[in-house]
Each structure stands twice: as C-alpha cells, then as structure tokens.
Amino acid sequence: MVMKDTISNKLQEAFTPESLQVVDESLLHEGHSGHRPGGETHFRVYIVSDAFKGKSRVDRHRMINSALAAELAGSVHALAIQAKAPGEG
C-alpha cells in the first residue's frame, strides 16, 4: 500500500470525515531536506470532520499527528494540515 493510502485510511478510521483529501507533494520538495527518491515524504491533508468541533487549530493538528504517529516517526518527513469542522469557511 502506498503511503497516501495509508494516511487516508488512518484518518478515515480516526475521524470519519465529511471530506478528506490527501495530496503527495513530495515532487515539489525535490532537493530539500527529507526528500527521498520515490517520494512519499511530503503530504498535504485537507479534512473536514465533526471531531474538530470546538477544537483549536493546535488541538486539531495534535489529533491528526497522533493518528499518524507511526508514519511521522518513519518515512513521512512533512505533513501540512488544513483541518476544519463542518460549516467552517
């Protein structure tokens, strides 16, 4: 399974999101720190879930980082996160 699918599956399981998009941006970081041949090192996550209602931006990021702890400790070098609750702009 590719890392993008692993991230998607873990976030789907943890947060049952209304919407979820995981984008592999590794090619944009070629030559930068953490990039490896073959990519799968830099990702951007767009997620909307009820789990984020009433949570601060920092708390939302901590929740996602916790759900993806194994990946962040392993091959994922960078994760950009846009996490919202339903109805947020």
N, C-alpha and C. Protein backbone atom coordinates (compact mmCIF):
# COMPACT_ATOMS: atom_id res chain seq x y z
N MET A 1 0.85 -1.19 0.00
CA MET A 1 0.00 0.00 0.00
C MET A 1 0.89 1.24 0.00
N VAL A 2 0.54 2.23 -0.80
CA VAL A 2 1.31 3.46 -0.83
C VAL A 2 0.97 4.32 0.38
N MET A 3 1.90 5.19 0.76
CA MET A 3 1.75 5.99 1.97
C MET A 3 0.49 6.87 1.91
N LYS A 4 0.17 7.42 0.76
CA LYS A 4 -1.02 8.25 0.62
C LYS A 4 -2.27 7.47 1.06
N ASP A 5 -2.36 6.21 0.65
CA ASP A 5 -3.50 5.38 1.03
C ASP A 5 -3.48 5.05 2.52
N THR A 6 -2.31 4.82 3.06
CA THR A 6 -2.19 4.55 4.49
C THR A 6 -2.68 5.74 5.30
N ILE A 7 -2.23 6.94 4.92
CA ILE A 7 -2.67 8.16 5.61
C ILE A 7 -4.17 8.33 5.49
N SER A 8 -4.70 8.17 4.29
CA SER A 8 -6.15 8.31 4.06
C SER A 8 -6.93 7.33 4.92
N ASN A 9 -6.51 6.08 4.94
CA ASN A 9 -7.22 5.05 5.71
C ASN A 9 -7.20 5.34 7.20
N LYS A 10 -6.05 5.75 7.72
CA LYS A 10 -5.95 6.04 9.15
C LYS A 10 -6.81 7.24 9.54
N LEU A 11 -6.80 8.29 8.72
CA LEU A 11 -7.61 9.47 9.02
C LEU A 11 -9.10 9.16 8.88
N GLN A 12 -9.45 8.35 7.91
CA GLN A 12 -10.85 7.95 7.73
C GLN A 12 -11.33 7.19 8.96
N GLU A 13 -10.52 6.28 9.43
CA GLU A 13 -10.87 5.47 10.60
C GLU A 13 -10.94 6.31 11.88
N ALA A 14 -10.00 7.23 12.04
CA ALA A 14 -9.92 8.02 13.27
C ALA A 14 -10.98 9.11 13.36
N PHE A 15 -11.34 9.72 12.21
CA PHE A 15 -12.17 10.93 12.26
C PHE A 15 -13.47 10.85 11.48
N THR A 16 -13.74 9.80 10.75
CA THR A 16 -14.94 9.65 9.92
C THR A 16 -15.29 11.00 9.26
N PRO A 17 -14.41 11.51 8.44
CA PRO A 17 -14.59 12.86 7.89
C PRO A 17 -15.70 12.96 6.85
N GLU A 18 -16.28 14.18 6.78
CA GLU A 18 -17.22 14.52 5.71
C GLU A 18 -16.48 14.58 4.39
N SER A 19 -15.27 15.12 4.44
CA SER A 19 -14.42 15.15 3.25
C SER A 19 -12.97 14.99 3.68
N LEU A 20 -12.22 14.37 2.78
CA LEU A 20 -10.80 14.11 3.05
C LEU A 20 -10.06 14.08 1.73
N GLN A 21 -8.97 14.82 1.68
CA GLN A 21 -8.10 14.79 0.51
C GLN A 21 -6.66 14.75 1.02
N VAL A 22 -5.92 13.78 0.54
CA VAL A 22 -4.50 13.65 0.89
C VAL A 22 -3.71 13.81 -0.41
N VAL A 23 -2.81 14.78 -0.42
CA VAL A 23 -2.04 15.10 -1.62
C VAL A 23 -0.56 14.83 -1.34
N ASP A 24 0.07 14.03 -2.21
CA ASP A 24 1.50 13.78 -2.11
C ASP A 24 2.22 14.92 -2.83
N GLU A 25 2.88 15.77 -2.06
CA GLU A 25 3.59 16.94 -2.61
C GLU A 25 5.10 16.71 -2.66
N SER A 26 5.52 15.48 -2.58
CA SER A 26 6.94 15.16 -2.50
C SER A 26 7.73 15.72 -3.67
N LEU A 27 7.18 15.67 -4.87
CA LEU A 27 7.89 16.17 -6.05
C LEU A 27 8.21 17.65 -5.94
N LEU A 28 7.38 18.40 -5.20
CA LEU A 28 7.61 19.83 -5.02
C LEU A 28 8.81 20.11 -4.11
N HIS A 29 9.25 19.09 -3.40
CA HIS A 29 10.32 19.26 -2.41
C HIS A 29 11.61 18.56 -2.82
N GLU A 30 11.69 18.18 -4.07
CA GLU A 30 12.90 17.51 -4.56
C GLU A 30 14.12 18.39 -4.29
N GLY A 31 15.14 17.81 -3.71
CA GLY A 31 16.35 18.55 -3.36
C GLY A 31 16.32 19.17 -1.98
N HIS A 32 15.17 19.16 -1.32
CA HIS A 32 15.05 19.73 0.02
C HIS A 32 15.24 18.65 1.07
N SER A 33 15.37 19.07 2.29
CA SER A 33 15.54 18.16 3.41
C SER A 33 14.39 17.16 3.49
N GLY A 34 14.74 15.92 3.73
CA GLY A 34 13.73 14.89 3.93
C GLY A 34 13.24 14.23 2.67
N HIS A 35 13.53 14.80 1.51
CA HIS A 35 13.06 14.20 0.26
C HIS A 35 13.91 12.98 -0.06
N ARG A 36 13.24 11.94 -0.53
CA ARG A 36 13.93 10.73 -0.94
C ARG A 36 13.47 10.35 -2.35
N PRO A 37 14.32 9.70 -3.11
CA PRO A 37 13.89 9.22 -4.43
C PRO A 37 12.66 8.33 -4.26
N GLY A 38 11.69 8.48 -5.12
CA GLY A 38 10.45 7.72 -5.00
C GLY A 38 9.37 8.48 -4.25
N GLY A 39 9.73 9.59 -3.62
CA GLY A 39 8.74 10.44 -2.95
C GLY A 39 8.15 9.83 -1.70
N GLU A 40 6.87 10.10 -1.51
CA GLU A 40 6.12 9.67 -0.33
C GLU A 40 6.72 10.20 0.96
N THR A 41 7.17 11.46 0.93
CA THR A 41 7.79 12.08 2.10
C THR A 41 7.06 13.33 2.57
N HIS A 42 6.42 14.04 1.67
CA HIS A 42 5.76 15.32 1.98
C HIS A 42 4.30 15.25 1.54
N PHE A 43 3.40 15.49 2.50
CA PHE A 43 1.97 15.39 2.21
C PHE A 43 1.22 16.62 2.71
N ARG A 44 0.08 16.86 2.07
CA ARG A 44 -0.85 17.91 2.50
C ARG A 44 -2.20 17.23 2.70
N VAL A 45 -2.83 17.53 3.84
CA VAL A 45 -4.12 16.93 4.20
C VAL A 45 -5.17 18.02 4.32
N TYR A 46 -6.28 17.82 3.64
CA TYR A 46 -7.47 18.66 3.78
C TYR A 46 -8.54 17.74 4.36
N ILE A 47 -9.05 18.10 5.54
CA ILE A 47 -10.01 17.23 6.21
C ILE A 47 -11.10 18.07 6.89
N VAL A 48 -12.35 17.62 6.77
CA VAL A 48 -13.48 18.23 7.46
C VAL A 48 -14.16 17.13 8.26
N SER A 49 -14.27 17.33 9.58
CA SER A 49 -14.84 16.31 10.45
C SER A 49 -15.51 16.93 11.66
N ASP A 50 -16.57 16.30 12.12
CA ASP A 50 -17.23 16.72 13.36
C ASP A 50 -16.29 16.62 14.56
N ALA A 51 -15.28 15.77 14.46
CA ALA A 51 -14.33 15.58 15.56
C ALA A 51 -13.59 16.86 15.91
N PHE A 52 -13.58 17.82 14.97
CA PHE A 52 -12.83 19.06 15.19
C PHE A 52 -13.69 20.20 15.75
N LYS A 53 -14.98 19.96 15.94
CA LYS A 53 -15.86 21.00 16.50
C LYS A 53 -15.37 21.41 17.88
N GLY A 54 -15.24 22.72 18.07
CA GLY A 54 -14.83 23.25 19.36
C GLY A 54 -13.35 23.10 19.68
N LYS A 55 -12.59 22.58 18.75
CA LYS A 55 -11.15 22.38 18.97
C LYS A 55 -10.36 23.51 18.33
N SER A 56 -9.26 23.87 18.96
CA SER A 56 -8.39 24.90 18.39
C SER A 56 -7.60 24.29 17.23
N ARG A 57 -6.97 25.16 16.46
CA ARG A 57 -6.14 24.70 15.35
C ARG A 57 -5.02 23.78 15.84
N VAL A 58 -4.40 24.16 16.94
CA VAL A 58 -3.31 23.36 17.52
C VAL A 58 -3.84 21.99 17.96
N ASP A 59 -4.99 21.96 18.61
CA ASP A 59 -5.57 20.69 19.05
C ASP A 59 -5.89 19.79 17.86
N ARG A 60 -6.40 20.36 16.78
CA ARG A 60 -6.72 19.59 15.58
C ARG A 60 -5.46 18.97 14.99
N HIS A 61 -4.40 19.76 14.93
CA HIS A 61 -3.13 19.25 14.40
C HIS A 61 -2.58 18.15 15.30
N ARG A 62 -2.69 18.33 16.60
CA ARG A 62 -2.23 17.29 17.53
C ARG A 62 -3.01 16.00 17.34
N MET A 63 -4.31 16.11 17.13
CA MET A 63 -5.15 14.93 16.92
C MET A 63 -4.70 14.16 15.68
N ILE A 64 -4.45 14.89 14.61
CA ILE A 64 -4.03 14.26 13.35
C ILE A 64 -2.62 13.69 13.50
N ASN A 65 -1.72 14.45 14.10
CA ASN A 65 -0.36 13.95 14.31
C ASN A 65 -0.36 12.69 15.16
N SER A 66 -1.23 12.61 16.13
CA SER A 66 -1.34 11.43 16.97
C SER A 66 -1.84 10.22 16.16
N ALA A 67 -2.83 10.45 15.32
CA ALA A 67 -3.36 9.36 14.49
C ALA A 67 -2.32 8.85 13.50
N LEU A 68 -1.39 9.71 13.12
CA LEU A 68 -0.36 9.35 12.14
C LEU A 68 1.03 9.26 12.76
N ALA A 69 1.09 8.99 14.05
CA ALA A 69 2.37 8.99 14.77
C ALA A 69 3.39 8.03 14.15
N ALA A 70 2.97 6.84 13.79
CA ALA A 70 3.91 5.87 13.22
C ALA A 70 4.49 6.35 11.90
N GLU A 71 3.65 6.94 11.07
CA GLU A 71 4.10 7.43 9.77
C GLU A 71 5.04 8.62 9.92
N LEU A 72 4.71 9.51 10.86
CA LEU A 72 5.55 10.69 11.09
C LEU A 72 6.89 10.31 11.72
N ALA A 73 6.91 9.23 12.46
CA ALA A 73 8.16 8.75 13.05
C ALA A 73 8.98 7.96 12.03
N GLY A 74 8.35 7.60 10.93
CA GLY A 74 9.01 6.80 9.91
C GLY A 74 9.33 7.60 8.67
N SER A 75 8.68 7.26 7.57
CA SER A 75 9.06 7.78 6.26
C SER A 75 8.46 9.14 5.91
N VAL A 76 7.44 9.59 6.63
CA VAL A 76 6.83 10.89 6.31
C VAL A 76 7.65 11.99 6.97
N HIS A 77 8.19 12.87 6.15
CA HIS A 77 9.04 13.96 6.64
C HIS A 77 8.23 15.20 7.00
N ALA A 78 7.19 15.50 6.21
CA ALA A 78 6.42 16.73 6.43
C ALA A 78 4.94 16.48 6.15
N LEU A 79 4.10 17.11 6.97
CA LEU A 79 2.66 17.00 6.83
C LEU A 79 2.05 18.38 7.03
N ALA A 80 1.47 18.92 5.96
CA ALA A 80 0.74 20.20 6.05
C ALA A 80 -0.73 19.85 6.26
N ILE A 81 -1.36 20.53 7.20
CA ILE A 81 -2.72 20.16 7.60
C ILE A 81 -3.67 21.35 7.51
N GLN A 82 -4.81 21.11 6.87
CA GLN A 82 -5.92 22.03 6.93
C GLN A 82 -7.11 21.24 7.45
N ALA A 83 -7.41 21.42 8.73
CA ALA A 83 -8.47 20.66 9.40
C ALA A 83 -9.58 21.60 9.84
N LYS A 84 -10.80 21.28 9.44
CA LYS A 84 -11.95 22.12 9.77
C LYS A 84 -13.11 21.28 10.26
N ALA A 85 -14.01 21.92 10.98
CA ALA A 85 -15.27 21.32 11.35
C ALA A 85 -16.29 21.68 10.26
N PRO A 86 -17.34 20.89 10.11
CA PRO A 86 -18.35 21.22 9.10
C PRO A 86 -18.89 22.64 9.29
N GLY A 87 -19.08 23.34 8.20
CA GLY A 87 -19.62 24.69 8.24
C GLY A 87 -18.58 25.78 8.39
N GLU A 88 -17.34 25.44 8.68
CA GLU A 88 -16.27 26.43 8.77
C GLU A 88 -15.78 26.78 7.38
N GLY A 89 -15.47 28.05 7.18
CA GLY A 89 -15.03 28.54 5.86
C GLY A 89 -13.69 28.18 5.43
